[in-house]
N, C-alpha and C. Protein backbone atom coordinates (compact mmCIF):
# COMPACT_ATOMS: atom_id res chain seq x y z
N MET A 1 135.57 22.07 121.27
CA MET A 1 135.25 21.32 120.08
C MET A 1 135.44 22.25 118.87
N SER A 2 136.30 21.87 117.96
CA SER A 2 136.57 22.71 116.80
C SER A 2 135.81 22.20 115.58
N ARG A 3 135.47 23.09 114.70
CA ARG A 3 134.74 22.72 113.49
C ARG A 3 135.70 22.34 112.38
N LYS A 4 135.28 21.40 111.57
CA LYS A 4 136.08 21.03 110.41
C LYS A 4 135.90 22.10 109.35
N PRO A 5 136.93 22.35 108.59
CA PRO A 5 136.76 23.32 107.50
C PRO A 5 135.83 22.74 106.44
N ALA A 6 135.02 23.60 105.84
CA ALA A 6 134.07 23.15 104.82
C ALA A 6 134.82 22.69 103.58
N ALA A 7 134.34 21.61 103.01
CA ALA A 7 134.95 21.08 101.80
C ALA A 7 134.57 21.97 100.62
N THR A 8 135.50 22.14 99.71
CA THR A 8 135.19 22.94 98.53
C THR A 8 134.52 22.04 97.50
N LEU A 9 133.55 22.58 96.81
CA LEU A 9 132.84 21.83 95.79
C LEU A 9 133.52 22.02 94.45
N SER A 10 133.56 20.94 93.70
CA SER A 10 134.08 21.04 92.35
C SER A 10 133.02 20.49 91.41
N ALA A 11 133.16 20.77 90.13
CA ALA A 11 132.17 20.33 89.16
C ALA A 11 132.04 18.82 89.15
N SER A 12 133.07 18.08 89.46
CA SER A 12 132.99 16.62 89.44
C SER A 12 132.21 16.07 90.62
N LEU A 13 131.95 16.88 91.64
CA LEU A 13 131.20 16.42 92.80
C LEU A 13 129.71 16.71 92.68
N VAL A 14 129.30 17.52 91.75
CA VAL A 14 127.91 17.90 91.61
C VAL A 14 127.18 16.82 90.81
N ALA A 15 126.08 16.34 91.36
CA ALA A 15 125.31 15.30 90.69
C ALA A 15 124.43 15.90 89.62
N VAL A 16 124.35 15.22 88.48
CA VAL A 16 123.47 15.61 87.39
C VAL A 16 122.49 14.48 87.20
N LYS A 17 121.18 14.81 87.19
CA LYS A 17 120.15 13.78 87.09
C LYS A 17 120.36 12.94 85.84
N GLY A 18 120.32 11.62 86.03
CA GLY A 18 120.47 10.70 84.92
C GLY A 18 121.90 10.35 84.57
N MET A 19 122.86 10.97 85.21
CA MET A 19 124.26 10.73 84.89
C MET A 19 125.01 10.01 86.01
N ALA A 20 124.28 9.50 87.00
CA ALA A 20 124.92 8.83 88.12
C ALA A 20 125.52 7.50 87.69
N ALA A 21 126.63 7.16 88.28
CA ALA A 21 127.29 5.88 88.01
C ALA A 21 128.00 5.44 89.28
N PRO A 22 128.02 4.14 89.54
CA PRO A 22 128.72 3.68 90.73
C PRO A 22 130.22 3.87 90.59
N ALA A 23 130.89 3.91 91.71
CA ALA A 23 132.34 4.02 91.71
C ALA A 23 132.95 2.79 91.04
N ALA A 24 134.07 2.96 90.41
CA ALA A 24 134.70 1.88 89.66
C ALA A 24 135.06 0.69 90.55
N ASP A 25 135.41 0.94 91.81
CA ASP A 25 135.83 -0.15 92.69
C ASP A 25 134.68 -0.69 93.54
N MET A 26 133.42 -0.29 93.27
CA MET A 26 132.29 -0.74 94.06
C MET A 26 131.88 -2.15 93.64
N PRO A 27 131.71 -3.07 94.60
CA PRO A 27 131.29 -4.43 94.24
C PRO A 27 129.81 -4.43 93.83
N GLY A 28 129.39 -5.44 93.09
CA GLY A 28 128.00 -5.57 92.68
C GLY A 28 127.11 -5.88 93.87
N ARG A 29 125.80 -5.75 93.69
CA ARG A 29 124.87 -5.99 94.79
C ARG A 29 124.76 -7.46 95.14
N ILE A 30 124.68 -8.32 94.15
CA ILE A 30 124.45 -9.73 94.41
C ILE A 30 125.60 -10.54 93.80
N ALA A 31 126.24 -11.31 94.63
CA ALA A 31 127.29 -12.19 94.13
C ALA A 31 126.62 -13.48 93.68
N PRO A 32 127.00 -14.02 92.52
CA PRO A 32 126.37 -15.26 92.06
C PRO A 32 126.67 -16.40 93.01
N THR A 33 125.65 -17.20 93.26
CA THR A 33 125.82 -18.36 94.13
C THR A 33 126.33 -19.52 93.29
N PRO A 34 127.00 -20.49 93.89
CA PRO A 34 127.48 -21.63 93.12
C PRO A 34 126.35 -22.37 92.41
N ALA A 35 125.17 -22.46 93.03
CA ALA A 35 124.03 -23.15 92.40
C ALA A 35 123.55 -22.40 91.17
N ALA A 36 123.51 -21.07 91.25
CA ALA A 36 123.06 -20.27 90.11
C ALA A 36 124.06 -20.35 88.98
N ALA A 37 125.34 -20.42 89.30
CA ALA A 37 126.36 -20.50 88.27
C ALA A 37 126.31 -21.85 87.55
N ALA A 38 125.88 -22.90 88.26
CA ALA A 38 125.83 -24.23 87.66
C ALA A 38 124.59 -24.44 86.81
N THR A 39 123.55 -23.59 86.99
CA THR A 39 122.32 -23.72 86.22
C THR A 39 122.56 -23.25 84.80
N PRO A 40 122.24 -24.08 83.82
CA PRO A 40 122.45 -23.64 82.44
C PRO A 40 121.48 -22.52 82.08
N ALA A 41 121.91 -21.63 81.19
CA ALA A 41 121.07 -20.51 80.78
C ALA A 41 119.89 -20.97 79.95
N THR A 42 119.97 -22.15 79.37
CA THR A 42 118.89 -22.66 78.54
C THR A 42 118.12 -23.74 79.27
N ALA A 43 117.74 -23.47 80.51
CA ALA A 43 116.98 -24.43 81.29
C ALA A 43 115.61 -24.62 80.65
N PRO A 44 115.01 -25.81 80.77
CA PRO A 44 113.70 -26.05 80.17
C PRO A 44 112.64 -25.13 80.78
N VAL A 45 111.71 -24.70 79.94
CA VAL A 45 110.63 -23.81 80.38
C VAL A 45 109.55 -24.67 80.99
N PRO A 46 109.05 -24.30 82.19
CA PRO A 46 107.97 -25.07 82.80
C PRO A 46 106.75 -25.11 81.89
N ALA A 47 105.98 -26.21 81.95
CA ALA A 47 104.82 -26.40 81.07
C ALA A 47 103.80 -25.30 81.25
N ALA A 48 103.61 -24.82 82.48
CA ALA A 48 102.61 -23.77 82.73
C ALA A 48 102.99 -22.49 82.00
N VAL A 49 104.26 -22.19 81.92
CA VAL A 49 104.71 -20.98 81.26
C VAL A 49 104.65 -21.14 79.75
N SER A 50 105.06 -22.30 79.23
CA SER A 50 105.07 -22.50 77.78
C SER A 50 103.66 -22.59 77.22
N ALA A 51 102.64 -22.91 78.05
CA ALA A 51 101.27 -23.00 77.58
C ALA A 51 100.60 -21.63 77.49
N MET A 52 101.23 -20.61 78.05
CA MET A 52 100.63 -19.27 78.01
C MET A 52 100.65 -18.74 76.59
N PRO A 53 99.56 -18.08 76.15
CA PRO A 53 99.54 -17.55 74.80
C PRO A 53 100.51 -16.38 74.65
N THR A 54 101.10 -16.29 73.49
CA THR A 54 102.01 -15.18 73.21
C THR A 54 101.19 -14.01 72.73
N PRO A 55 101.36 -12.82 73.34
CA PRO A 55 100.57 -11.68 72.90
C PRO A 55 100.91 -11.30 71.47
N GLU A 56 99.85 -11.05 70.68
CA GLU A 56 100.05 -10.66 69.30
C GLU A 56 100.16 -9.15 69.21
N PRO A 57 100.93 -8.64 68.25
CA PRO A 57 101.02 -7.20 68.10
C PRO A 57 99.66 -6.62 67.72
N ARG A 58 99.35 -5.47 68.28
CA ARG A 58 98.07 -4.84 68.02
C ARG A 58 98.21 -3.83 66.90
N ALA A 59 97.15 -3.68 66.12
CA ALA A 59 97.18 -2.77 64.99
C ALA A 59 97.29 -1.31 65.43
N ASP A 60 96.73 -0.99 66.62
CA ASP A 60 96.77 0.40 67.08
C ASP A 60 98.04 0.73 67.85
N GLY A 61 98.94 -0.23 67.98
CA GLY A 61 100.22 0.01 68.65
C GLY A 61 100.13 -0.01 70.16
N ALA A 62 98.96 -0.29 70.73
CA ALA A 62 98.81 -0.32 72.18
C ALA A 62 99.66 -1.44 72.76
N GLY A 63 100.29 -1.16 73.86
CA GLY A 63 101.09 -2.16 74.55
C GLY A 63 102.51 -2.28 74.01
N GLN A 64 102.85 -1.51 73.00
CA GLN A 64 104.18 -1.58 72.43
C GLN A 64 104.95 -0.32 72.78
N GLY A 65 106.20 -0.47 73.11
CA GLY A 65 107.05 0.69 73.37
C GLY A 65 106.76 1.36 74.70
N ASP A 66 106.20 0.61 75.66
CA ASP A 66 105.87 1.22 76.95
C ASP A 66 107.12 1.62 77.73
N SER A 67 108.21 0.91 77.53
CA SER A 67 109.38 1.14 78.37
C SER A 67 110.04 2.48 78.11
N GLY A 68 109.93 3.01 76.91
CA GLY A 68 110.60 4.27 76.60
C GLY A 68 109.66 5.45 76.59
N GLY A 69 108.49 5.31 77.19
CA GLY A 69 107.48 6.36 77.15
C GLY A 69 107.83 7.58 78.00
N GLN A 70 107.08 8.62 77.76
CA GLN A 70 107.22 9.86 78.51
C GLN A 70 106.06 9.97 79.49
N PRO A 71 106.27 10.57 80.65
CA PRO A 71 105.17 10.71 81.61
C PRO A 71 104.13 11.71 81.10
N LEU A 72 102.89 11.45 81.42
CA LEU A 72 101.78 12.33 81.08
C LEU A 72 101.05 12.58 82.39
N ASN A 73 101.30 13.71 83.00
CA ASN A 73 100.77 13.99 84.33
C ASN A 73 99.71 15.07 84.29
N PHE A 74 98.55 14.75 84.83
CA PHE A 74 97.49 15.74 84.97
C PHE A 74 96.57 15.28 86.08
N ARG A 75 95.79 16.19 86.60
CA ARG A 75 94.89 15.88 87.70
C ARG A 75 93.48 15.64 87.17
N VAL A 76 92.80 14.67 87.79
CA VAL A 76 91.42 14.36 87.47
C VAL A 76 90.65 14.25 88.78
N PRO A 77 89.32 14.40 88.72
CA PRO A 77 88.53 14.24 89.95
C PRO A 77 88.67 12.82 90.51
N GLU A 78 88.57 12.69 91.80
CA GLU A 78 88.75 11.40 92.47
C GLU A 78 87.76 10.35 91.96
N THR A 79 86.52 10.77 91.70
CA THR A 79 85.52 9.80 91.23
C THR A 79 85.90 9.27 89.84
N PHE A 80 86.39 10.14 88.95
CA PHE A 80 86.81 9.69 87.63
C PHE A 80 88.00 8.74 87.75
N ARG A 81 88.96 9.10 88.60
CA ARG A 81 90.14 8.26 88.81
C ARG A 81 89.73 6.85 89.25
N ARG A 82 88.80 6.79 90.20
CA ARG A 82 88.36 5.50 90.72
C ARG A 82 87.65 4.69 89.62
N GLU A 83 86.77 5.34 88.85
CA GLU A 83 86.08 4.66 87.75
C GLU A 83 87.06 4.16 86.70
N PHE A 84 88.03 5.00 86.34
CA PHE A 84 89.01 4.66 85.31
C PHE A 84 89.83 3.45 85.73
N LYS A 85 90.34 3.48 86.96
CA LYS A 85 91.15 2.38 87.46
C LYS A 85 90.33 1.10 87.61
N THR A 86 89.08 1.24 88.05
CA THR A 86 88.21 0.08 88.22
C THR A 86 87.92 -0.57 86.87
N TYR A 87 87.60 0.26 85.87
CA TYR A 87 87.31 -0.27 84.53
C TYR A 87 88.53 -1.01 83.98
N ALA A 88 89.71 -0.41 84.12
CA ALA A 88 90.94 -1.04 83.63
C ALA A 88 91.17 -2.38 84.33
N ALA A 89 90.97 -2.43 85.62
CA ALA A 89 91.19 -3.67 86.37
C ALA A 89 90.17 -4.74 85.98
N GLN A 90 88.91 -4.34 85.79
CA GLN A 90 87.87 -5.30 85.42
C GLN A 90 88.12 -5.91 84.04
N HIS A 91 88.77 -5.15 83.18
CA HIS A 91 89.03 -5.62 81.81
C HIS A 91 90.48 -6.06 81.62
N ASP A 92 91.20 -6.21 82.74
CA ASP A 92 92.58 -6.69 82.72
C ASP A 92 93.45 -5.86 81.77
N MET A 93 93.37 -4.54 81.94
CA MET A 93 94.13 -3.62 81.10
C MET A 93 95.02 -2.75 81.98
N LYS A 94 96.10 -2.28 81.40
CA LYS A 94 96.92 -1.29 82.08
C LYS A 94 96.29 0.07 81.88
N LEU A 95 96.56 0.99 82.78
CA LEU A 95 95.96 2.32 82.68
C LEU A 95 96.37 3.03 81.40
N ASN A 96 97.65 2.92 81.02
CA ASN A 96 98.09 3.61 79.80
C ASN A 96 97.47 2.98 78.56
N GLU A 97 97.20 1.68 78.60
CA GLU A 97 96.54 1.03 77.47
C GLU A 97 95.10 1.53 77.33
N LEU A 98 94.39 1.65 78.45
CA LEU A 98 93.03 2.16 78.42
C LEU A 98 93.00 3.59 77.90
N LEU A 99 93.95 4.40 78.32
CA LEU A 99 94.01 5.78 77.84
C LEU A 99 94.26 5.83 76.33
N ARG A 100 95.21 5.02 75.84
CA ARG A 100 95.50 5.00 74.40
C ARG A 100 94.28 4.55 73.60
N LEU A 101 93.60 3.48 74.07
CA LEU A 101 92.43 2.98 73.35
C LEU A 101 91.29 4.01 73.38
N SER A 102 91.12 4.69 74.49
CA SER A 102 90.09 5.72 74.60
C SER A 102 90.36 6.86 73.63
N PHE A 103 91.60 7.28 73.56
CA PHE A 103 91.98 8.37 72.65
C PHE A 103 91.80 7.94 71.20
N ALA A 104 92.17 6.70 70.87
CA ALA A 104 92.00 6.19 69.50
C ALA A 104 90.52 6.14 69.14
N ALA A 105 89.67 5.73 70.07
CA ALA A 105 88.22 5.67 69.80
C ALA A 105 87.65 7.07 69.58
N LEU A 106 88.10 8.04 70.35
CA LEU A 106 87.64 9.41 70.18
C LEU A 106 88.06 9.96 68.82
N ARG A 107 89.28 9.66 68.42
CA ARG A 107 89.75 10.13 67.11
C ARG A 107 88.95 9.49 65.98
N ARG A 108 88.66 8.18 66.10
CA ARG A 108 87.83 7.52 65.08
C ARG A 108 86.44 8.14 65.02
N GLN A 109 85.88 8.39 66.20
CA GLN A 109 84.53 8.96 66.30
C GLN A 109 84.47 10.34 65.64
N ASN A 110 85.54 11.12 65.77
CA ASN A 110 85.59 12.47 65.21
C ASN A 110 86.13 12.49 63.77
N GLY A 111 86.46 11.33 63.25
CA GLY A 111 86.93 11.25 61.87
C GLY A 111 88.37 11.70 61.68
N ASP A 112 89.16 11.68 62.71
CA ASP A 112 90.59 12.08 62.61
C ASP A 112 91.45 10.91 62.24
């Protein structure tokens, strides 16, 4: 049994985080079905969805711009983590929203 010669690496073969792209000839993941193609893009909104209140912008900016945020990673004791997550869930809040509101309250309290 003979070994294959090792392939030489070139700069175009090295992956760079965030710069990945599919091959030009690669097919898409999901092919549109005939039923989906026939559905108009402006289909009527179900009554249950249209009755939902539209969230209003908040003065403190909470809940806005979440998609482009940067990670904030740090360790906390397990008991604090459990309390924090429980409080957020009980008040129907996201964890990052609770953190932002907590920080804003601390700044107000300290006069910043």
